Amino acid sequence: MSDAPVDRRMLEALVCPVTQAPLTYDAETQELISKAAHLAYPIRGGIPIMLEEEARKLD
């Protein structure tokens, strides 16, 4: 599966669904990072998956 381009303006508008805090885009891992919630939300095919149960827990 090829990675679709990510719309930076869309990413800037998104916030963590758990904390409402801003997210940081990690291009290498294709994830949106919520430092406040210690979660990494995946981006699949250019679409952010903003579900807590789909997020990876960060240390």
PDB file of N, CA and C in Angstrom:
ATOM      1  N   MET A   1       0.849  -1.171   0.000  1.00  0.00           N
ATOM      2  CA  MET A   1       0.000   0.000   0.000  1.00  0.00           C
ATOM      3  C   MET A   1       0.891   1.229   0.000  1.00  0.00           C
ATOM      4  N   SER A   2       0.653   2.171  -0.888  1.00  0.00           N
ATOM      5  CA  SER A   2       1.462   3.379  -0.921  1.00  0.00           C
ATOM      6  C   SER A   2       0.883   4.409   0.033  1.00  0.00           C
ATOM      7  N   ASP A   3       1.782   5.235   0.554  1.00  0.00           N
ATOM      8  CA  ASP A   3       1.347   6.279   1.466  1.00  0.00           C
ATOM      9  C   ASP A   3       0.825   7.454   0.661  1.00  0.00           C
ATOM     10  N   ALA A   4      -0.403   7.854   0.938  1.00  0.00           N
ATOM     11  CA  ALA A   4      -0.986   9.016   0.292  1.00  0.00           C
ATOM     12  C   ALA A   4      -0.400  10.267   0.940  1.00  0.00           C
ATOM     13  N   PRO A   5      -0.337  11.368   0.179  1.00  0.00           N
ATOM     14  CA  PRO A   5       0.187  12.594   0.787  1.00  0.00           C
ATOM     15  C   PRO A   5      -0.717  13.054   1.930  1.00  0.00           C
ATOM     16  N   VAL A   6      -0.099  13.671   2.909  1.00  0.00           N
ATOM     17  CA  VAL A   6      -0.833  14.145   4.073  1.00  0.00           C
ATOM     18  C   VAL A   6      -1.068  15.644   3.925  1.00  0.00           C
ATOM     19  N   ASP A   7      -2.308  16.060   4.124  1.00  0.00           N
ATOM     20  CA  ASP A   7      -2.681  17.470   4.021  1.00  0.00           C
ATOM     21  C   ASP A   7      -2.295  18.176   5.323  1.00  0.00           C
ATOM     22  N   ARG A   8      -1.269  18.986   5.267  1.00  0.00           N
ATOM     23  CA  ARG A   8      -0.749  19.658   6.470  1.00  0.00           C
ATOM     24  C   ARG A   8      -1.804  20.564   7.117  1.00  0.00           C
ATOM     25  N   ARG A   9      -2.618  21.234   6.305  1.00  0.00           N
ATOM     26  CA  ARG A   9      -3.652  22.122   6.883  1.00  0.00           C
ATOM     27  C   ARG A   9      -4.660  21.314   7.690  1.00  0.00           C
ATOM     28  N   MET A  10      -5.014  20.132   7.186  1.00  0.00           N
ATOM     29  CA  MET A  10      -5.949  19.277   7.910  1.00  0.00           C
ATOM     30  C   MET A  10      -5.330  18.865   9.248  1.00  0.00           C
ATOM     31  N   LEU A  11      -4.048  18.487   9.224  1.00  0.00           N
ATOM     32  CA  LEU A  11      -3.381  18.047  10.443  1.00  0.00           C
ATOM     33  C   LEU A  11      -3.346  19.153  11.494  1.00  0.00           C
ATOM     34  N   GLU A  12      -3.149  20.388  11.053  1.00  0.00           N
ATOM     35  CA  GLU A  12      -3.095  21.513  11.985  1.00  0.00           C
ATOM     36  C   GLU A  12      -4.439  21.739  12.671  1.00  0.00           C
ATOM     37  N   ALA A  13      -5.528  21.335  12.039  1.00  0.00           N
ATOM     38  CA  ALA A  13      -6.871  21.527  12.595  1.00  0.00           C
ATOM     39  C   ALA A  13      -7.254  20.423  13.579  1.00  0.00           C
ATOM     40  N   LEU A  14      -6.565  19.297  13.527  1.00  0.00           N
ATOM     41  CA  LEU A  14      -6.919  18.168  14.388  1.00  0.00           C
ATOM     42  C   LEU A  14      -6.346  18.336  15.794  1.00  0.00           C
ATOM     43  N   VAL A  15      -7.105  17.851  16.775  1.00  0.00           N
ATOM     44  CA  VAL A  15      -6.639  17.817  18.160  1.00  0.00           C
ATOM     45  C   VAL A  15      -6.867  16.412  18.695  1.00  0.00           C
ATOM     46  N   CYS A  16      -6.215  16.107  19.790  1.00  0.00           N
ATOM     47  CA  CYS A  16      -6.371  14.795  20.424  1.00  0.00           C
ATOM     48  C   CYS A  16      -7.820  14.626  20.886  1.00  0.00           C
ATOM     49  N   PRO A  17      -8.471  13.534  20.503  1.00  0.00           N
ATOM     50  CA  PRO A  17      -9.852  13.323  20.928  1.00  0.00           C
ATOM     51  C   PRO A  17      -9.983  13.034  22.426  1.00  0.00           C
ATOM     52  N   VAL A  18      -8.891  12.676  23.075  1.00  0.00           N
ATOM     53  CA  VAL A  18      -8.918  12.371  24.505  1.00  0.00           C
ATOM     54  C   VAL A  18      -8.733  13.642  25.339  1.00  0.00           C
ATOM     55  N   THR A  19      -7.734  14.463  24.967  1.00  0.00           N
ATOM     56  CA  THR A  19      -7.361  15.624  25.783  1.00  0.00           C
ATOM     57  C   THR A  19      -7.690  16.969  25.145  1.00  0.00           C
ATOM     58  N   GLN A  20      -8.029  16.973  23.863  1.00  0.00           N
ATOM     59  CA  GLN A  20      -8.242  18.205  23.083  1.00  0.00           C
ATOM     60  C   GLN A  20      -6.955  19.010  22.910  1.00  0.00           C
ATOM     61  N   ALA A  21      -5.814  18.405  23.189  1.00  0.00           N
ATOM     62  CA  ALA A  21      -4.513  19.063  23.051  1.00  0.00           C
ATOM     63  C   ALA A  21      -4.047  18.985  21.596  1.00  0.00           C
ATOM     64  N   PRO A  22      -3.138  19.882  21.198  1.00  0.00           N
ATOM     65  CA  PRO A  22      -2.584  19.831  19.834  1.00  0.00           C
ATOM     66  C   PRO A  22      -1.813  18.533  19.594  1.00  0.00           C
ATOM     67  N   LEU A  23      -1.712  18.168  18.320  1.00  0.00           N
ATOM     68  CA  LEU A  23      -0.998  16.963  17.908  1.00  0.00           C
ATOM     69  C   LEU A  23       0.246  17.347  17.132  1.00  0.00           C
ATOM     70  N   THR A  24       1.235  16.468  17.156  1.00  0.00           N
ATOM     71  CA  THR A  24       2.465  16.649  16.394  1.00  0.00           C
ATOM     72  C   THR A  24       2.517  15.561  15.331  1.00  0.00           C
ATOM     73  N   TYR A  25       2.834  15.949  14.092  1.00  0.00           N
ATOM     74  CA  TYR A  25       2.916  14.995  12.985  1.00  0.00           C
ATOM     75  C   TYR A  25       4.309  14.397  12.921  1.00  0.00           C
ATOM     76  N   ASP A  26       4.385  13.069  12.919  1.00  0.00           N
ATOM     77  CA  ASP A  26       5.653  12.358  12.759  1.00  0.00           C
ATOM     78  C   ASP A  26       5.629  11.705  11.376  1.00  0.00           C
ATOM     79  N   ALA A  27       6.343  12.321  10.423  1.00  0.00           N
ATOM     80  CA  ALA A  27       6.337  11.840   9.040  1.00  0.00           C
ATOM     81  C   ALA A  27       6.982  10.470   8.908  1.00  0.00           C
ATOM     82  N   GLU A  28       7.985  10.188   9.722  1.00  0.00           N
ATOM     83  CA  GLU A  28       8.704   8.925   9.623  1.00  0.00           C
ATOM     84  C   GLU A  28       7.806   7.735   9.983  1.00  0.00           C
ATOM     85  N   THR A  29       7.033   7.876  11.052  1.00  0.00           N
ATOM     86  CA  THR A  29       6.169   6.777  11.496  1.00  0.00           C
ATOM     87  C   THR A  29       4.743   6.897  10.975  1.00  0.00           C
ATOM     88  N   GLN A  30       4.432   8.013  10.292  1.00  0.00           N
ATOM     89  CA  GLN A  30       3.079   8.274   9.799  1.00  0.00           C
ATOM     90  C   GLN A  30       2.073   8.206  10.952  1.00  0.00           C
ATOM     91  N   GLU A  31       2.351   9.008  11.988  1.00  0.00           N
ATOM     92  CA  GLU A  31       1.486   9.061  13.160  1.00  0.00           C
ATOM     93  C   GLU A  31       1.297  10.510  13.604  1.00  0.00           C
ATOM     94  N   LEU A  32       0.198  10.728  14.292  1.00  0.00           N
ATOM     95  CA  LEU A  32      -0.048  11.991  14.971  1.00  0.00           C
ATOM     96  C   LEU A  32       0.161  11.727  16.455  1.00  0.00           C
ATOM     97  N   ILE A  33       1.051  12.501  17.065  1.00  0.00           N
ATOM     98  CA  ILE A  33       1.462  12.269  18.445  1.00  0.00           C
ATOM     99  C   ILE A  33       0.740  13.227  19.383  1.00  0.00           C
ATOM    100  N   SER A  34       0.111  12.666  20.405  1.00  0.00           N
ATOM    101  CA  SER A  34      -0.475  13.451  21.484  1.00  0.00           C
ATOM    102  C   SER A  34       0.419  13.292  22.698  1.00  0.00           C
ATOM    103  N   LYS A  35       1.221  14.322  22.965  1.00  0.00           N
ATOM    104  CA  LYS A  35       2.114  14.267  24.128  1.00  0.00           C
ATOM    105  C   LYS A  35       1.300  14.290  25.413  1.00  0.00           C
ATOM    106  N   ALA A  36       0.173  14.992  25.414  1.00  0.00           N
ATOM    107  CA  ALA A  36      -0.661  15.098  26.612  1.00  0.00           C
ATOM    108  C   ALA A  36      -1.261  13.748  27.000  1.00  0.00           C
ATOM    109  N   ALA A  37      -1.705  12.977  26.010  1.00  0.00           N
ATOM    110  CA  ALA A  37      -2.343  11.681  26.278  1.00  0.00           C
ATOM    111  C   ALA A  37      -1.358  10.514  26.185  1.00  0.00           C
ATOM    112  N   HIS A  38      -0.123  10.795  25.737  1.00  0.00           N
ATOM    113  CA  HIS A  38       0.891   9.748  25.535  1.00  0.00           C
ATOM    114  C   HIS A  38       0.378   8.685  24.561  1.00  0.00           C
ATOM    115  N   LEU A  39      -0.206   9.172  23.446  1.00  0.00           N
ATOM    116  CA  LEU A  39      -0.748   8.289  22.414  1.00  0.00           C
ATOM    117  C   LEU A  39      -0.240   8.715  21.045  1.00  0.00           C
ATOM    118  N   ALA A  40      -0.126   7.740  20.140  1.00  0.00           N
ATOM    119  CA  ALA A  40       0.245   7.998  18.748  1.00  0.00           C
ATOM    120  C   ALA A  40      -0.869   7.445  17.869  1.00  0.00           C
ATOM    121  N   TYR A  41      -1.559   8.344  17.152  1.00  0.00           N
ATOM    122  CA  TYR A  41      -2.652   7.952  16.272  1.00  0.00           C
ATOM    123  C   TYR A  41      -2.095   7.662  14.875  1.00  0.00           C
ATOM    124  N   PRO A  42      -2.421   6.512  14.298  1.00  0.00           N
ATOM    125  CA  PRO A  42      -1.864   6.166  12.979  1.00  0.00           C
ATOM    126  C   PRO A  42      -2.521   6.958  11.852  1.00  0.00           C
ATOM    127  N   ILE A  43      -1.763   7.106  10.778  1.00  0.00           N
ATOM    128  CA  ILE A  43      -2.295   7.678   9.534  1.00  0.00           C
ATOM    129  C   ILE A  43      -2.196   6.569   8.504  1.00  0.00           C
ATOM    130  N   ARG A  44      -3.334   6.145   7.973  1.00  0.00           N
ATOM    131  CA  ARG A  44      -3.378   5.048   7.003  1.00  0.00           C
ATOM    132  C   ARG A  44      -3.956   5.554   5.690  1.00  0.00           C
ATOM    133  N   GLY A  45      -3.179   5.430   4.624  1.00  0.00           N
ATOM    134  CA  GLY A  45      -3.641   5.890   3.316  1.00  0.00           C
ATOM    135  C   GLY A  45      -3.958   7.365   3.298  1.00  0.00           C
ATOM    136  N   GLY A  46      -3.237   8.142   4.104  1.00  0.00           N
ATOM    137  CA  GLY A  46      -3.452   9.581   4.161  1.00  0.00           C
ATOM    138  C   GLY A  46      -4.585  10.001   5.087  1.00  0.00           C
ATOM    139  N   ILE A  47      -5.218   9.043   5.766  1.00  0.00           N
ATOM    140  CA  ILE A  47      -6.353   9.337   6.639  1.00  0.00           C
ATOM    141  C   ILE A  47      -5.963   9.096   8.100  1.00  0.00           C
ATOM    142  N   PRO A  48      -6.033  10.150   8.936  1.00  0.00           N
ATOM    143  CA  PRO A  48      -5.745   9.961  10.357  1.00  0.00           C
ATOM    144  C   PRO A  48      -6.840   9.121  11.026  1.00  0.00           C
ATOM    145  N   ILE A  49      -6.432   8.132  11.790  1.00  0.00           N
ATOM    146  CA  ILE A  49      -7.368   7.272  12.527  1.00  0.00           C
ATOM    147  C   ILE A  49      -7.400   7.805  13.957  1.00  0.00           C
ATOM    148  N   MET A  50      -8.418   8.614  14.247  1.00  0.00           N
ATOM    149  CA  MET A  50      -8.478   9.344  15.509  1.00  0.00           C
ATOM    150  C   MET A  50      -9.314   8.614  16.565  1.00  0.00           C
ATOM    151  N   LEU A  51      -9.100   7.331  16.696  1.00  0.00           N
ATOM    152  CA  LEU A  51      -9.804   6.521  17.682  1.00  0.00           C
ATOM    153  C   LEU A  51      -8.822   6.098  18.760  1.00  0.00           C
ATOM    154  N   GLU A  52      -9.189   6.302  20.012  1.00  0.00           N
ATOM    155  CA  GLU A  52      -8.297   5.953  21.116  1.00  0.00           C
ATOM    156  C   GLU A  52      -7.896   4.484  21.079  1.00  0.00           C
ATOM    157  N   GLU A  53      -8.839   3.606  20.718  1.00  0.00           N
ATOM    158  CA  GLU A  53      -8.526   2.172  20.690  1.00  0.00           C
ATOM    159  C   GLU A  53      -7.578   1.778  19.555  1.00  0.00           C
ATOM    160  N   GLU A  54      -7.415   2.651  18.557  1.00  0.00           N
ATOM    161  CA  GLU A  54      -6.468   2.395  17.452  1.00  0.00           C
ATOM    162  C   GLU A  54      -5.090   3.010  17.734  1.00  0.00           C
ATOM    163  N   ALA A  55      -4.999   3.854  18.734  1.00  0.00           N
ATOM    164  CA  ALA A  55      -3.752   4.563  19.024  1.00  0.00           C
ATOM    165  C   ALA A  55      -2.757   3.656  19.736  1.00  0.00           C
ATOM    166  N   ARG A  56      -1.489   3.959  19.491  1.00  0.00           N
ATOM    167  CA  ARG A  56      -0.396   3.245  20.141  1.00  0.00           C
ATOM    168  C   ARG A  56       0.005   4.030  21.389  1.00  0.00           C
ATOM    169  N   LYS A  57       0.151   3.324  22.515  1.00  0.00           N
ATOM    170  CA  LYS A  57       0.563   3.985  23.763  1.00  0.00           C
ATOM    171  C   LYS A  57       2.050   4.314  23.699  1.00  0.00           C
ATOM    172  N   LEU A  58       2.406   5.501  24.146  1.00  0.00           N
ATOM    173  CA  LEU A  58       3.793   5.938  24.185  1.00  0.00           C
ATOM    174  C   LEU A  58       4.315   5.831  25.607  1.00  0.00           C
ATOM    175  N   ASP A  59       5.606   5.589  25.728  1.00  0.00           N
ATOM    176  CA  ASP A  59       6.238   5.501  27.068  1.00  0.00           C
ATOM    177  C   ASP A  59       6.336   6.860  27.711  1.00  0.00           C
TER     178      ASP A  59
END
